[in-house]
Each structure stands twice: as C-alpha cells, then as structure tokens.
Amino acid sequence: MLVDKLFEAMLRLGPIPDRLRDAELQDNIRSYLREATAVSYYSQKQLLLSAGQPADYVNYIEQGFARGFYLEERTQRQVSVFFWEAGHFAVATSSFLLRLPSDIYIEVMPGSRLLSLSHGQLAHMVELFPVTEALARMLLLRYKSFHKKRTRDLLTRSAWERYLDLLQSHPRIEQQVSKEAIASYLGITPQSLSRLLRENGHP
C-alpha cells in the first residue's frame, strides 16, 4: 500500500531505537498511518504552504517533485532553498514541529502524489507509540545537517561544483523547475548559470 511507503521512509531517516524494530509494534503503527494519512495528487503546480502560515502538514513525496523558496523582501524574487523529489519529506521543519509561522513557501510540481500527516495526527501517533518521537527528532536532525552542508558549500565550493552536486542529488531537476529556480539555489544569477554551462559544457 502507498501508506506503507511513508512508514518505510520514516524508518530510513536514521538509526531507529531497538524497540521500534518489534514487528507487532510496526504493524500497529502502519495500521494507524493507514487511517490517518491523506493521499493527494496534483495535476498542476500549486502552493502547499505560504510564508507566515504555520506548517500543518509533513508531506512525503511518493512521486513527483516540490520546491521550498523564500521571497526577497525588496525585489520579491524567489530564492530556492529546498528541492524535494520522490522519497523525501517536504516540510518547513521548525514551523511544523515548533508551531511557528513558516518563513518559506512550499510549491508542488505537476504530476506529484503526496502522503500527508497533520501535526495533530503526528502528535497523536507519538501519544499512542511514544517510541516514534525518535522519528520526528531524526527528521529535524536531517534538516539541520542539510543546512550545515549547504552553508559550508556556499562558503567553500565554486558555483560549478555546487551545480554538479545538485545534479547528482537531483538528476532530473532541469525537467522539474526553471533555470531561474536552479540559479537562485546556487546563489548566482540565471545569466551566470548560462555562462558556466557555455564555459564547461553541460554535464
């Protein structure tokens, strides 16, 4: 079933407690998720979350692609900060876990299918199965690790190196989002990205 993919993805977030390896417990958690999880399909591009709103859902991308971005206050230019493909969780982590207004927008691309769990449903799952709190912690730690790597890469690696790394992480990204979205993620202008491609050739 589709929802089983959500639980399997949760278990892959990091090292899980031994208690969570119990087969009967896993079956009970799967049963809860089958009842609680919403499945949605998007035939066109759509905003899942706007800045200033609390993030009420964590979204597992079963198929498709999503993007997280800021809006520059002065120019209203979109600056990409996250790209999520199938097999990943699209969520404004701090907003979702701490119940704060989101500082990013989340946009889902056409042809995407999401499995979504609300904050209340996740909280209820933790009440029923306290060991699953470790899964939420691992999701937060994964995002902290991502931000640390992204900051280090922006400071120490060239734009071309960052571009190659992005293609390795998301091989089909150029079919999913615009050149402007990719350039803003790399911290350069679309013109600079075009120049890099002319100078180095497309990988």
C-alpha atoms as a PDB file:
ATOM      1  CA  MET A   1       0.000   0.000   0.000  1.00  0.00           C
ATOM      2  CA  LEU A   2       1.060   3.619  -0.587  1.00  0.00           C
ATOM      3  CA  VAL A   3       0.994   4.495   3.111  1.00  0.00           C
ATOM      4  CA  ASP A   4       3.429   1.688   3.893  1.00  0.00           C
ATOM      5  CA  LYS A   5       5.970   3.658   1.849  1.00  0.00           C
ATOM      6  CA  LEU A   6       5.561   6.545   4.302  1.00  0.00           C
ATOM      7  CA  PHE A   7       6.448   4.379   7.288  1.00  0.00           C
ATOM      8  CA  GLU A   8       9.374   2.773   5.492  1.00  0.00           C
ATOM      9  CA  ALA A   9      10.680   6.258   4.670  1.00  0.00           C
ATOM     10  CA  MET A  10      10.358   7.233   8.338  1.00  0.00           C
ATOM     11  CA  LEU A  11      12.446   4.237   9.326  1.00  0.00           C
ATOM     12  CA  ARG A  12      15.155   5.319   6.866  1.00  0.00           C
ATOM     13  CA  LEU A  13      15.575   8.748   8.451  1.00  0.00           C
ATOM     14  CA  GLY A  14      18.350   7.468  10.713  1.00  0.00           C
ATOM     15  CA  PRO A  15      19.223   4.884  13.363  1.00  0.00           C
ATOM     16  CA  ILE A  16      15.994   3.695  14.967  1.00  0.00           C
ATOM     17  CA  PRO A  17      15.506   2.578  18.598  1.00  0.00           C
ATOM     18  CA  ASP A  18      15.598  -1.180  19.136  1.00  0.00           C
ATOM     19  CA  ARG A  19      12.016  -1.062  20.433  1.00  0.00           C
ATOM     20  CA  LEU A  20      10.872   0.194  17.043  1.00  0.00           C
ATOM     21  CA  ARG A  21      12.165  -2.971  15.399  1.00  0.00           C
ATOM     22  CA  ASP A  22       9.393  -5.019  17.017  1.00  0.00           C
ATOM     23  CA  ALA A  23       7.230  -6.477  14.230  1.00  0.00           C
ATOM     24  CA  GLU A  24       3.944  -6.224  16.147  1.00  0.00           C
ATOM     25  CA  LEU A  25       4.613  -2.586  17.045  1.00  0.00           C
ATOM     26  CA  GLN A  26       5.443  -1.792  13.430  1.00  0.00           C
ATOM     27  CA  ASP A  27       2.183  -3.389  12.300  1.00  0.00           C
ATOM     28  CA  ASN A  28       0.239  -1.261  14.805  1.00  0.00           C
ATOM     29  CA  ILE A  29       1.946   1.918  13.611  1.00  0.00           C
ATOM     30  CA  ARG A  30       1.244   1.021   9.988  1.00  0.00           C
ATOM     31  CA  SER A  31      -2.430   0.492  10.852  1.00  0.00           C
ATOM     32  CA  TYR A  32      -2.570   3.930  12.455  1.00  0.00           C
ATOM     33  CA  LEU A  33      -0.896   5.573   9.458  1.00  0.00           C
ATOM     34  CA  ARG A  34      -3.320   3.910   7.032  1.00  0.00           C
ATOM     35  CA  GLU A  35      -6.185   5.583   8.897  1.00  0.00           C
ATOM     36  CA  ALA A  36      -4.507   8.965   9.450  1.00  0.00           C
ATOM     37  CA  THR A  37      -2.599   9.664   6.240  1.00  0.00           C
ATOM     38  CA  ALA A  38      -4.121  11.716   3.430  1.00  0.00           C
ATOM     39  CA  VAL A  39      -3.177  10.940  -0.177  1.00  0.00           C
ATOM     40  CA  SER A  40      -3.332  13.791  -2.701  1.00  0.00           C
ATOM     41  CA  TYR A  41      -2.461  14.111  -6.388  1.00  0.00           C
ATOM     42  CA  TYR A  42      -1.551  17.386  -8.129  1.00  0.00           C
ATOM     43  CA  SER A  43      -2.096  17.773 -11.860  1.00  0.00           C
ATOM     44  CA  GLN A  44      -0.732  21.319 -11.856  1.00  0.00           C
ATOM     45  CA  LYS A  45       1.726  23.463  -9.926  1.00  0.00           C
ATOM     46  CA  GLN A  46       0.315  24.510  -6.552  1.00  0.00           C
ATOM     47  CA  LEU A  47       1.410  26.150  -3.305  1.00  0.00           C
ATOM     48  CA  LEU A  48       1.186  23.826  -0.312  1.00  0.00           C
ATOM     49  CA  LEU A  49       2.348  26.440   2.170  1.00  0.00           C
ATOM     50  CA  SER A  50       2.833  30.219   2.202  1.00  0.00           C
ATOM     51  CA  ALA A  51       5.238  32.186   4.351  1.00  0.00           C
ATOM     52  CA  GLY A  52       3.563  33.466   7.508  1.00  0.00           C
ATOM     53  CA  GLN A  53       1.322  30.420   7.859  1.00  0.00           C
ATOM     54  CA  PRO A  54       2.034  27.584  10.293  1.00  0.00           C
ATOM     55  CA  ALA A  55       3.102  24.369   8.575  1.00  0.00           C
ATOM     56  CA  ASP A  56       0.283  21.993   9.490  1.00  0.00           C
ATOM     57  CA  TYR A  57       1.480  19.012   7.450  1.00  0.00           C
ATOM     58  CA  VAL A  58       4.542  16.920   6.812  1.00  0.00           C
ATOM     59  CA  ASN A  59       4.390  15.694   3.212  1.00  0.00           C
ATOM     60  CA  TYR A  60       6.063  12.565   1.902  1.00  0.00           C
ATOM     61  CA  ILE A  61       6.604  12.765  -1.845  1.00  0.00           C
ATOM     62  CA  GLU A  62       5.567   9.368  -3.181  1.00  0.00           C
ATOM     63  CA  GLN A  63       6.046  10.617  -6.749  1.00  0.00           C
ATOM     64  CA  GLY A  64       6.873  13.963  -8.275  1.00  0.00           C
ATOM     65  CA  PHE A  65       8.806  16.989  -7.053  1.00  0.00           C
ATOM     66  CA  ALA A  66       8.473  20.007  -4.733  1.00  0.00           C
ATOM     67  CA  ARG A  67      10.400  23.173  -4.029  1.00  0.00           C
ATOM     68  CA  GLY A  68      10.844  25.402  -0.980  1.00  0.00           C
ATOM     69  CA  PHE A  69      11.668  29.064  -1.501  1.00  0.00           C
ATOM     70  CA  TYR A  70      11.904  32.463   0.156  1.00  0.00           C
ATOM     71  CA  LEU A  71      10.695  35.751  -1.293  1.00  0.00           C
ATOM     72  CA  GLU A  72      13.265  38.538  -1.148  1.00  0.00           C
ATOM     73  CA  GLU A  73      11.532  41.394   0.628  1.00  0.00           C
ATOM     74  CA  ARG A  74      12.872  44.181  -1.588  1.00  0.00           C
ATOM     75  CA  THR A  75      12.662  42.593  -5.044  1.00  0.00           C
ATOM     76  CA  GLN A  76      10.089  39.830  -4.412  1.00  0.00           C
ATOM     77  CA  ARG A  77      12.496  37.497  -6.195  1.00  0.00           C
ATOM     78  CA  GLN A  78      12.024  33.814  -5.386  1.00  0.00           C
ATOM     79  CA  VAL A  79      15.107  32.225  -3.829  1.00  0.00           C
ATOM     80  CA  SER A  80      15.074  28.411  -3.819  1.00  0.00           C
ATOM     81  CA  VAL A  81      16.309  26.788  -0.622  1.00  0.00           C
ATOM     82  CA  PHE A  82      14.963  23.235  -0.909  1.00  0.00           C
ATOM     83  CA  PHE A  83      14.339  20.754  -3.688  1.00  0.00           C
ATOM     84  CA  TRP A  84      12.497  17.558  -2.773  1.00  0.00           C
ATOM     85  CA  GLU A  85      11.995  14.588  -5.082  1.00  0.00           C
ATOM     86  CA  ALA A  86      10.244  11.241  -4.676  1.00  0.00           C
ATOM     87  CA  GLY A  87      11.254   9.508  -1.470  1.00  0.00           C
ATOM     88  CA  HIS A  88      11.778  12.730   0.517  1.00  0.00           C
ATOM     89  CA  PHE A  89       9.783  14.680   3.103  1.00  0.00           C
ATOM     90  CA  ALA A  90       8.725  18.207   2.114  1.00  0.00           C
ATOM     91  CA  VAL A  91       8.140  20.222   5.279  1.00  0.00           C
ATOM     92  CA  ALA A  92       9.024  23.538   6.886  1.00  0.00           C
ATOM     93  CA  THR A  93      10.562  21.723   9.823  1.00  0.00           C
ATOM     94  CA  SER A  94      10.773  24.398  12.511  1.00  0.00           C
ATOM     95  CA  SER A  95       7.307  25.706  11.681  1.00  0.00           C
ATOM     96  CA  PHE A  96       5.804  22.211  11.774  1.00  0.00           C
ATOM     97  CA  LEU A  97       7.491  20.956  14.941  1.00  0.00           C
ATOM     98  CA  LEU A  98       7.529  24.215  16.934  1.00  0.00           C
ATOM     99  CA  ARG A  99       4.197  25.613  15.643  1.00  0.00           C
ATOM    100  CA  LEU A 100       5.771  28.812  14.338  1.00  0.00           C
ATOM    101  CA  PRO A 101       4.834  30.795  11.211  1.00  0.00           C
ATOM    102  CA  SER A 102       6.712  29.429   8.215  1.00  0.00           C
ATOM    103  CA  ASP A 103       9.414  31.581   6.648  1.00  0.00           C
ATOM    104  CA  ILE A 104       9.288  29.689   3.354  1.00  0.00           C
ATOM    105  CA  TYR A 105       6.813  28.789   0.631  1.00  0.00           C
ATOM    106  CA  ILE A 106       6.407  25.180  -0.475  1.00  0.00           C
ATOM    107  CA  GLU A 107       5.379  24.549  -4.079  1.00  0.00           C
ATOM    108  CA  VAL A 108       4.474  21.156  -5.530  1.00  0.00           C
ATOM    109  CA  MET A 109       5.016  20.370  -9.209  1.00  0.00           C
ATOM    110  CA  PRO A 110       2.546  18.806 -11.674  1.00  0.00           C
ATOM    111  CA  GLY A 111       2.309  15.028 -11.552  1.00  0.00           C
ATOM    112  CA  SER A 112       3.121  14.792  -7.852  1.00  0.00           C
ATOM    113  CA  ARG A 113       1.443  12.470  -5.355  1.00  0.00           C
ATOM    114  CA  LEU A 114       1.875  13.248  -1.662  1.00  0.00           C
ATOM    115  CA  LEU A 115       1.187  11.315   1.522  1.00  0.00           C
ATOM    116  CA  SER A 116       0.472  13.876   4.241  1.00  0.00           C
ATOM    117  CA  LEU A 117       0.243  13.670   8.018  1.00  0.00           C
ATOM    118  CA  SER A 118      -1.018  16.612  10.075  1.00  0.00           C
ATOM    119  CA  HIS A 119       0.714  17.932  13.172  1.00  0.00           C
ATOM    120  CA  GLY A 120      -2.187  16.715  15.295  1.00  0.00           C
ATOM    121  CA  GLN A 121      -2.055  13.250  13.768  1.00  0.00           C
ATOM    122  CA  LEU A 122       1.693  13.040  14.332  1.00  0.00           C
ATOM    123  CA  ALA A 123       1.248  14.161  17.950  1.00  0.00           C
ATOM    124  CA  HIS A 124      -1.435  11.524  18.438  1.00  0.00           C
ATOM    125  CA  MET A 125       0.848   8.858  16.950  1.00  0.00           C
ATOM    126  CA  VAL A 126       3.532   9.807  19.485  1.00  0.00           C
ATOM    127  CA  GLU A 127       0.943   9.553  22.296  1.00  0.00           C
ATOM    128  CA  LEU A 128      -0.057   6.074  21.135  1.00  0.00           C
ATOM    129  CA  PHE A 129       3.502   4.936  20.330  1.00  0.00           C
ATOM    130  CA  PRO A 130       5.973   7.092  22.341  1.00  0.00           C
ATOM    131  CA  VAL A 131       8.981   5.475  20.663  1.00  0.00           C
ATOM    132  CA  THR A 132       8.001   7.189  17.385  1.00  0.00           C
ATOM    133  CA  GLU A 133       9.073  10.545  18.848  1.00  0.00           C
ATOM    134  CA  ALA A 134      12.564   9.481  17.762  1.00  0.00           C
ATOM    135  CA  LEU A 135      11.406   9.686  14.124  1.00  0.00           C
ATOM    136  CA  ALA A 136      10.459  13.353  14.474  1.00  0.00           C
ATOM    137  CA  ARG A 137      13.811  14.093  16.104  1.00  0.00           C
ATOM    138  CA  MET A 138      15.651  12.375  13.251  1.00  0.00           C
ATOM    139  CA  LEU A 139      13.722  14.434  10.688  1.00  0.00           C
ATOM    140  CA  LEU A 140      14.778  17.630  12.488  1.00  0.00           C
ATOM    141  CA  LEU A 141      18.407  16.463  12.704  1.00  0.00           C
ATOM    142  CA  ARG A 142      18.419  15.641   8.998  1.00  0.00           C
ATOM    143  CA  TYR A 143      17.327  19.177   8.139  1.00  0.00           C
ATOM    144  CA  LYS A 144      19.937  20.665  10.481  1.00  0.00           C
ATOM    145  CA  SER A 145      22.581  18.559   8.743  1.00  0.00           C
ATOM    146  CA  PHE A 146      21.339  19.768   5.343  1.00  0.00           C
ATOM    147  CA  HIS A 147      21.557  23.425   6.386  1.00  0.00           C
ATOM    148  CA  LYS A 148      25.063  22.927   7.767  1.00  0.00           C
ATOM    149  CA  LYS A 149      26.257  21.358   4.500  1.00  0.00           C
ATOM    150  CA  ARG A 150      24.534  23.994   2.369  1.00  0.00           C
ATOM    151  CA  THR A 151      26.156  26.841   4.332  1.00  0.00           C
ATOM    152  CA  ARG A 152      29.570  25.189   4.095  1.00  0.00           C
ATOM    153  CA  ASP A 153      29.195  24.590   0.352  1.00  0.00           C
ATOM    154  CA  LEU A 154      28.205  28.208  -0.316  1.00  0.00           C
ATOM    155  CA  LEU A 155      31.330  29.360   1.524  1.00  0.00           C
ATOM    156  CA  THR A 156      33.883  26.839   0.265  1.00  0.00           C
ATOM    157  CA  ARG A 157      32.805  25.451  -3.128  1.00  0.00           C
ATOM    158  CA  SER A 158      32.533  27.099  -6.525  1.00  0.00           C
ATOM    159  CA  ALA A 159      29.181  27.652  -8.230  1.00  0.00           C
ATOM    160  CA  TRP A 160      30.074  24.967 -10.778  1.00  0.00           C
ATOM    161  CA  GLU A 161      30.886  22.459  -8.031  1.00  0.00           C
ATOM    162  CA  ARG A 162      27.589  23.254  -6.335  1.00  0.00           C
ATOM    163  CA  TYR A 163      25.772  22.778  -9.642  1.00  0.00           C
ATOM    164  CA  LEU A 164      27.362  19.369 -10.214  1.00  0.00           C
ATOM    165  CA  ASP A 165      26.446  18.350  -6.665  1.00  0.00           C
ATOM    166  CA  LEU A 166      22.846  19.439  -7.278  1.00  0.00           C
ATOM    167  CA  LEU A 167      22.645  17.359 -10.468  1.00  0.00           C
ATOM    168  CA  GLN A 168      23.998  14.358  -8.601  1.00  0.00           C
ATOM    169  CA  SER A 169      21.370  14.750  -5.870  1.00  0.00           C
ATOM    170  CA  HIS A 170      18.521  15.559  -8.295  1.00  0.00           C
ATOM    171  CA  PRO A 171      19.363  14.169 -11.767  1.00  0.00           C
ATOM    172  CA  ARG A 172      16.051  15.283 -13.326  1.00  0.00           C
ATOM    173  CA  ILE A 173      15.850  18.702 -11.723  1.00  0.00           C
ATOM    174  CA  GLU A 174      16.164  20.593 -15.012  1.00  0.00           C
ATOM    175  CA  GLN A 175      12.939  18.924 -16.137  1.00  0.00           C
ATOM    176  CA  GLN A 176      11.152  19.936 -12.934  1.00  0.00           C
ATOM    177  CA  VAL A 177      11.997  23.580 -12.241  1.00  0.00           C
ATOM    178  CA  SER A 178      13.144  26.649 -14.160  1.00  0.00           C
ATOM    179  CA  LYS A 179      16.718  27.781 -14.725  1.00  0.00           C
ATOM    180  CA  GLU A 180      15.903  30.780 -12.509  1.00  0.00           C
ATOM    181  CA  ALA A 181      14.941  28.461  -9.637  1.00  0.00           C
ATOM    182  CA  ILE A 182      18.170  26.479 -10.018  1.00  0.00           C
ATOM    183  CA  ALA A 183      20.339  29.601 -10.250  1.00  0.00           C
ATOM    184  CA  SER A 184      18.800  31.114  -7.115  1.00  0.00           C
ATOM    185  CA  TYR A 185      19.502  27.875  -5.225  1.00  0.00           C
ATOM    186  CA  LEU A 186      23.144  28.082  -6.316  1.00  0.00           C
ATOM    187  CA  GLY A 187      23.347  31.720  -5.222  1.00  0.00           C
ATOM    188  CA  ILE A 188      24.021  33.065  -8.726  1.00  0.00           C
ATOM    189  CA  THR A 189      22.048  34.777 -11.492  1.00  0.00           C
ATOM    190  CA  PRO A 190      20.490  32.876 -14.413  1.00  0.00           C
ATOM    191  CA  GLN A 191      22.965  34.669 -16.690  1.00  0.00           C
ATOM    192  CA  SER A 192      25.885  33.368 -14.608  1.00  0.00           C
ATOM    193  CA  LEU A 193      24.484  29.838 -14.802  1.00  0.00           C
ATOM    194  CA  SER A 194      24.199  30.116 -18.593  1.00  0.00           C
ATOM    195  CA  ARG A 195      27.812  31.328 -18.767  1.00  0.00           C
ATOM    196  CA  LEU A 196      29.002  28.411 -16.631  1.00  0.00           C
ATOM    197  CA  LEU A 197      27.226  25.978 -18.951  1.00  0.00           C
ATOM    198  CA  ARG A 198      28.811  27.592 -22.016  1.00  0.00           C
ATOM    199  CA  GLU A 199      32.278  27.510 -20.469  1.00  0.00           C
ATOM    200  CA  ASN A 200      32.125  23.985 -19.046  1.00  0.00           C
ATOM    201  CA  GLY A 201      29.591  22.227 -21.250  1.00  0.00           C
ATOM    202  CA  HIS A 202      26.513  20.531 -19.919  1.00  0.00           C
ATOM    203  CA  PRO A 203      27.471  17.570 -17.649  1.00  0.00           C
END
